[in-house]
Amino acid sequence: MSLQKRIASFRYAFQGIGYLFSSQVNARIHAVAAVVVVTAGIIFRISTLEWLAIIICITLVIVLEAVNTAIETLTDLVSPGNHPLAGKAKDVAAAGVLLAAIGSVVVGVLIFGPRLWS
């Protein structure tokens, strides 16, 4: 792959990130939550392993939000009308984000809970 194609691929990826955060309210909510959690991590001076867990959780939720957005967008393209399978695809993609968010909250409680209650 040429250097110009490589640069273009990064440009497209950054455009996708821009679309994700400009078009999806939930992505912006996740970003705000990430800023809050990172700030708390700095304030509480969490360990390297705790940072690792936090970074993995933040990344997982935002990546799944991007995948969810891609699935919803593609589903709307190929199935503009209401179709039960299109709805199921969207529901399952949204469920992935929800499950990751719930898991992230559990990780957050495990890391920050003892610090907040002591």
C-alpha atoms as a PDB file:
ATOM      1  CA  MET A   1       0.000   0.000   0.000  1.00  0.00           C
ATOM      2  CA  SER A   2       1.354   3.415  -0.959  1.00  0.00           C
ATOM      3  CA  LEU A   3       2.015   6.129   1.583  1.00  0.00           C
ATOM      4  CA  GLN A   4      -0.805   8.246   0.139  1.00  0.00           C
ATOM      5  CA  LYS A   5      -3.289   5.378   0.576  1.00  0.00           C
ATOM      6  CA  ARG A   6      -2.064   4.814   4.123  1.00  0.00           C
ATOM      7  CA  ILE A   7      -2.513   8.507   4.941  1.00  0.00           C
ATOM      8  CA  ALA A   8      -5.973   8.457   3.338  1.00  0.00           C
ATOM      9  CA  SER A   9      -6.984   5.465   5.440  1.00  0.00           C
ATOM     10  CA  PHE A  10      -6.111   7.382   8.603  1.00  0.00           C
ATOM     11  CA  ARG A  11      -8.016  10.417   7.319  1.00  0.00           C
ATOM     12  CA  TYR A  12     -11.107   8.230   6.742  1.00  0.00           C
ATOM     13  CA  ALA A  13     -10.792   6.743  10.217  1.00  0.00           C
ATOM     14  CA  PHE A  14     -10.602  10.211  11.782  1.00  0.00           C
ATOM     15  CA  GLN A  15     -13.641  11.251   9.731  1.00  0.00           C
ATOM     16  CA  GLY A  16     -15.434   8.238  11.211  1.00  0.00           C
ATOM     17  CA  ILE A  17     -14.485   9.345  14.718  1.00  0.00           C
ATOM     18  CA  GLY A  18     -15.773  12.821  13.910  1.00  0.00           C
ATOM     19  CA  TYR A  19     -19.047  11.404  12.596  1.00  0.00           C
ATOM     20  CA  LEU A  20     -19.408   9.174  15.648  1.00  0.00           C
ATOM     21  CA  PHE A  21     -19.122  12.027  18.140  1.00  0.00           C
ATOM     22  CA  SER A  22     -21.003  14.609  16.073  1.00  0.00           C
ATOM     23  CA  SER A  23     -23.980  12.381  15.317  1.00  0.00           C
ATOM     24  CA  GLN A  24     -24.350  10.143  18.365  1.00  0.00           C
ATOM     25  CA  VAL A  25     -25.471  11.600  21.678  1.00  0.00           C
ATOM     26  CA  ASN A  26     -24.516   8.396  23.487  1.00  0.00           C
ATOM     27  CA  ALA A  27     -20.948   8.636  22.178  1.00  0.00           C
ATOM     28  CA  ARG A  28     -20.694  12.117  23.631  1.00  0.00           C
ATOM     29  CA  ILE A  29     -22.113  10.868  26.945  1.00  0.00           C
ATOM     30  CA  HIS A  30     -19.492   8.097  26.992  1.00  0.00           C
ATOM     31  CA  ALA A  31     -16.775  10.665  26.257  1.00  0.00           C
ATOM     32  CA  VAL A  32     -17.894  12.857  29.168  1.00  0.00           C
ATOM     33  CA  ALA A  33     -17.991   9.799  31.437  1.00  0.00           C
ATOM     34  CA  ALA A  34     -14.459   8.925  30.298  1.00  0.00           C
ATOM     35  CA  VAL A  35     -13.213  12.410  31.185  1.00  0.00           C
ATOM     36  CA  VAL A  36     -14.843  12.140  34.626  1.00  0.00           C
ATOM     37  CA  VAL A  37     -13.293   8.710  35.242  1.00  0.00           C
ATOM     38  CA  VAL A  38      -9.829   9.789  34.055  1.00  0.00           C
ATOM     39  CA  THR A  39     -10.059  12.855  36.305  1.00  0.00           C
ATOM     40  CA  ALA A  40     -11.038  10.634  39.240  1.00  0.00           C
ATOM     41  CA  GLY A  41      -8.143   8.321  38.415  1.00  0.00           C
ATOM     42  CA  ILE A  42      -5.729  11.237  38.575  1.00  0.00           C
ATOM     43  CA  ILE A  43      -7.228  12.565  41.812  1.00  0.00           C
ATOM     44  CA  PHE A  44      -7.175   9.158  43.520  1.00  0.00           C
ATOM     45  CA  ARG A  45      -3.792   8.188  42.047  1.00  0.00           C
ATOM     46  CA  ILE A  46      -4.947   4.771  40.922  1.00  0.00           C
ATOM     47  CA  SER A  47      -2.391   2.067  40.207  1.00  0.00           C
ATOM     48  CA  THR A  48      -1.043   1.078  36.811  1.00  0.00           C
ATOM     49  CA  LEU A  49      -3.207  -2.044  36.768  1.00  0.00           C
ATOM     50  CA  GLU A  50      -6.261   0.024  37.652  1.00  0.00           C
ATOM     51  CA  TRP A  51      -5.416   2.433  34.817  1.00  0.00           C
ATOM     52  CA  LEU A  52      -5.157  -0.546  32.505  1.00  0.00           C
ATOM     53  CA  ALA A  53      -8.653  -1.700  33.480  1.00  0.00           C
ATOM     54  CA  ILE A  54     -10.058   1.821  33.075  1.00  0.00           C
ATOM     55  CA  ILE A  55      -8.436   2.331  29.663  1.00  0.00           C
ATOM     56  CA  ILE A  56      -9.683  -1.051  28.437  1.00  0.00           C
ATOM     57  CA  CYS A  57     -13.216  -0.244  29.624  1.00  0.00           C
ATOM     58  CA  ILE A  58     -13.264   3.224  28.056  1.00  0.00           C
ATOM     59  CA  THR A  59     -11.886   1.886  24.782  1.00  0.00           C
ATOM     60  CA  LEU A  60     -14.302  -1.049  24.722  1.00  0.00           C
ATOM     61  CA  VAL A  61     -17.379   1.109  25.278  1.00  0.00           C
ATOM     62  CA  ILE A  62     -16.384   3.680  22.642  1.00  0.00           C
ATOM     63  CA  VAL A  63     -15.376   0.994  20.117  1.00  0.00           C
ATOM     64  CA  LEU A  64     -18.687  -0.798  20.617  1.00  0.00           C
ATOM     65  CA  GLU A  65     -20.527   2.514  20.235  1.00  0.00           C
ATOM     66  CA  ALA A  66     -18.726   2.954  16.899  1.00  0.00           C
ATOM     67  CA  VAL A  67     -19.637  -0.588  15.804  1.00  0.00           C
ATOM     68  CA  ASN A  68     -23.223   0.002  16.912  1.00  0.00           C
ATOM     69  CA  THR A  69     -23.362   3.214  14.879  1.00  0.00           C
ATOM     70  CA  ALA A  70     -21.913   1.444  11.836  1.00  0.00           C
ATOM     71  CA  ILE A  71     -24.446  -1.392  12.127  1.00  0.00           C
ATOM     72  CA  GLU A  72     -27.348   1.019  12.565  1.00  0.00           C
ATOM     73  CA  THR A  73     -26.230   3.135   9.610  1.00  0.00           C
ATOM     74  CA  LEU A  74     -25.715   0.151   7.339  1.00  0.00           C
ATOM     75  CA  THR A  75     -29.001  -1.399   8.441  1.00  0.00           C
ATOM     76  CA  ASP A  76     -30.828   1.834   7.608  1.00  0.00           C
ATOM     77  CA  LEU A  77     -29.220   1.780   4.163  1.00  0.00           C
ATOM     78  CA  VAL A  78     -30.114  -1.798   3.266  1.00  0.00           C
ATOM     79  CA  SER A  79     -33.458  -1.923   5.063  1.00  0.00           C
ATOM     80  CA  PRO A  80     -35.033   1.552   5.045  1.00  0.00           C
ATOM     81  CA  GLY A  81     -38.427   0.156   6.027  1.00  0.00           C
ATOM     82  CA  ASN A  82     -39.261  -1.606   9.246  1.00  0.00           C
ATOM     83  CA  HIS A  83     -38.115  -5.213   9.149  1.00  0.00           C
ATOM     84  CA  PRO A  84     -37.974  -7.497  12.203  1.00  0.00           C
ATOM     85  CA  LEU A  85     -34.452  -8.722  11.405  1.00  0.00           C
ATOM     86  CA  ALA A  86     -33.174  -5.184  10.903  1.00  0.00           C
ATOM     87  CA  GLY A  87     -34.593  -4.293  14.311  1.00  0.00           C
ATOM     88  CA  LYS A  88     -32.964  -7.331  15.894  1.00  0.00           C
ATOM     89  CA  ALA A  89     -29.581  -6.406  14.394  1.00  0.00           C
ATOM     90  CA  LYS A  90     -29.855  -2.900  15.840  1.00  0.00           C
ATOM     91  CA  ASP A  91     -31.036  -4.213  19.210  1.00  0.00           C
ATOM     92  CA  VAL A  92     -28.180  -6.691  19.518  1.00  0.00           C
ATOM     93  CA  ALA A  93     -25.606  -4.045  18.562  1.00  0.00           C
ATOM     94  CA  ALA A  94     -27.058  -1.696  21.184  1.00  0.00           C
ATOM     95  CA  ALA A  95     -27.009  -4.547  23.710  1.00  0.00           C
ATOM     96  CA  GLY A  96     -23.271  -4.908  23.161  1.00  0.00           C
ATOM     97  CA  VAL A  97     -22.734  -1.275  24.118  1.00  0.00           C
ATOM     98  CA  LEU A  98     -25.006  -1.624  27.134  1.00  0.00           C
ATOM     99  CA  LEU A  99     -23.233  -4.750  28.385  1.00  0.00           C
ATOM    100  CA  ALA A 100     -19.831  -3.079  28.028  1.00  0.00           C
ATOM    101  CA  ALA A 101     -21.115   0.007  29.852  1.00  0.00           C
ATOM    102  CA  ILE A 102     -22.510  -2.109  32.699  1.00  0.00           C
ATOM    103  CA  GLY A 103     -19.218  -3.985  32.966  1.00  0.00           C
ATOM    104  CA  SER A 104     -17.366  -0.669  33.003  1.00  0.00           C
ATOM    105  CA  VAL A 105     -19.540   0.604  35.841  1.00  0.00           C
ATOM    106  CA  VAL A 106     -18.726  -2.554  37.816  1.00  0.00           C
ATOM    107  CA  VAL A 107     -15.004  -1.988  37.215  1.00  0.00           C
ATOM    108  CA  GLY A 108     -15.421   1.643  38.267  1.00  0.00           C
ATOM    109  CA  VAL A 109     -17.193   0.653  41.478  1.00  0.00           C
ATOM    110  CA  LEU A 110     -14.484  -1.881  42.278  1.00  0.00           C
ATOM    111  CA  ILE A 111     -11.718   0.669  41.707  1.00  0.00           C
ATOM    112  CA  PHE A 112     -13.286   3.848  43.099  1.00  0.00           C
ATOM    113  CA  GLY A 113     -15.820   2.473  45.576  1.00  0.00           C
ATOM    114  CA  PRO A 114     -13.357   1.711  48.392  1.00  0.00           C
ATOM    115  CA  ARG A 115     -11.695   5.104  47.913  1.00  0.00           C
ATOM    116  CA  LEU A 116     -14.991   6.962  48.011  1.00  0.00           C
ATOM    117  CA  TRP A 117     -16.270   5.100  51.076  1.00  0.00           C
ATOM    118  CA  SER A 118     -13.109   5.417  53.153  1.00  0.00           C
END
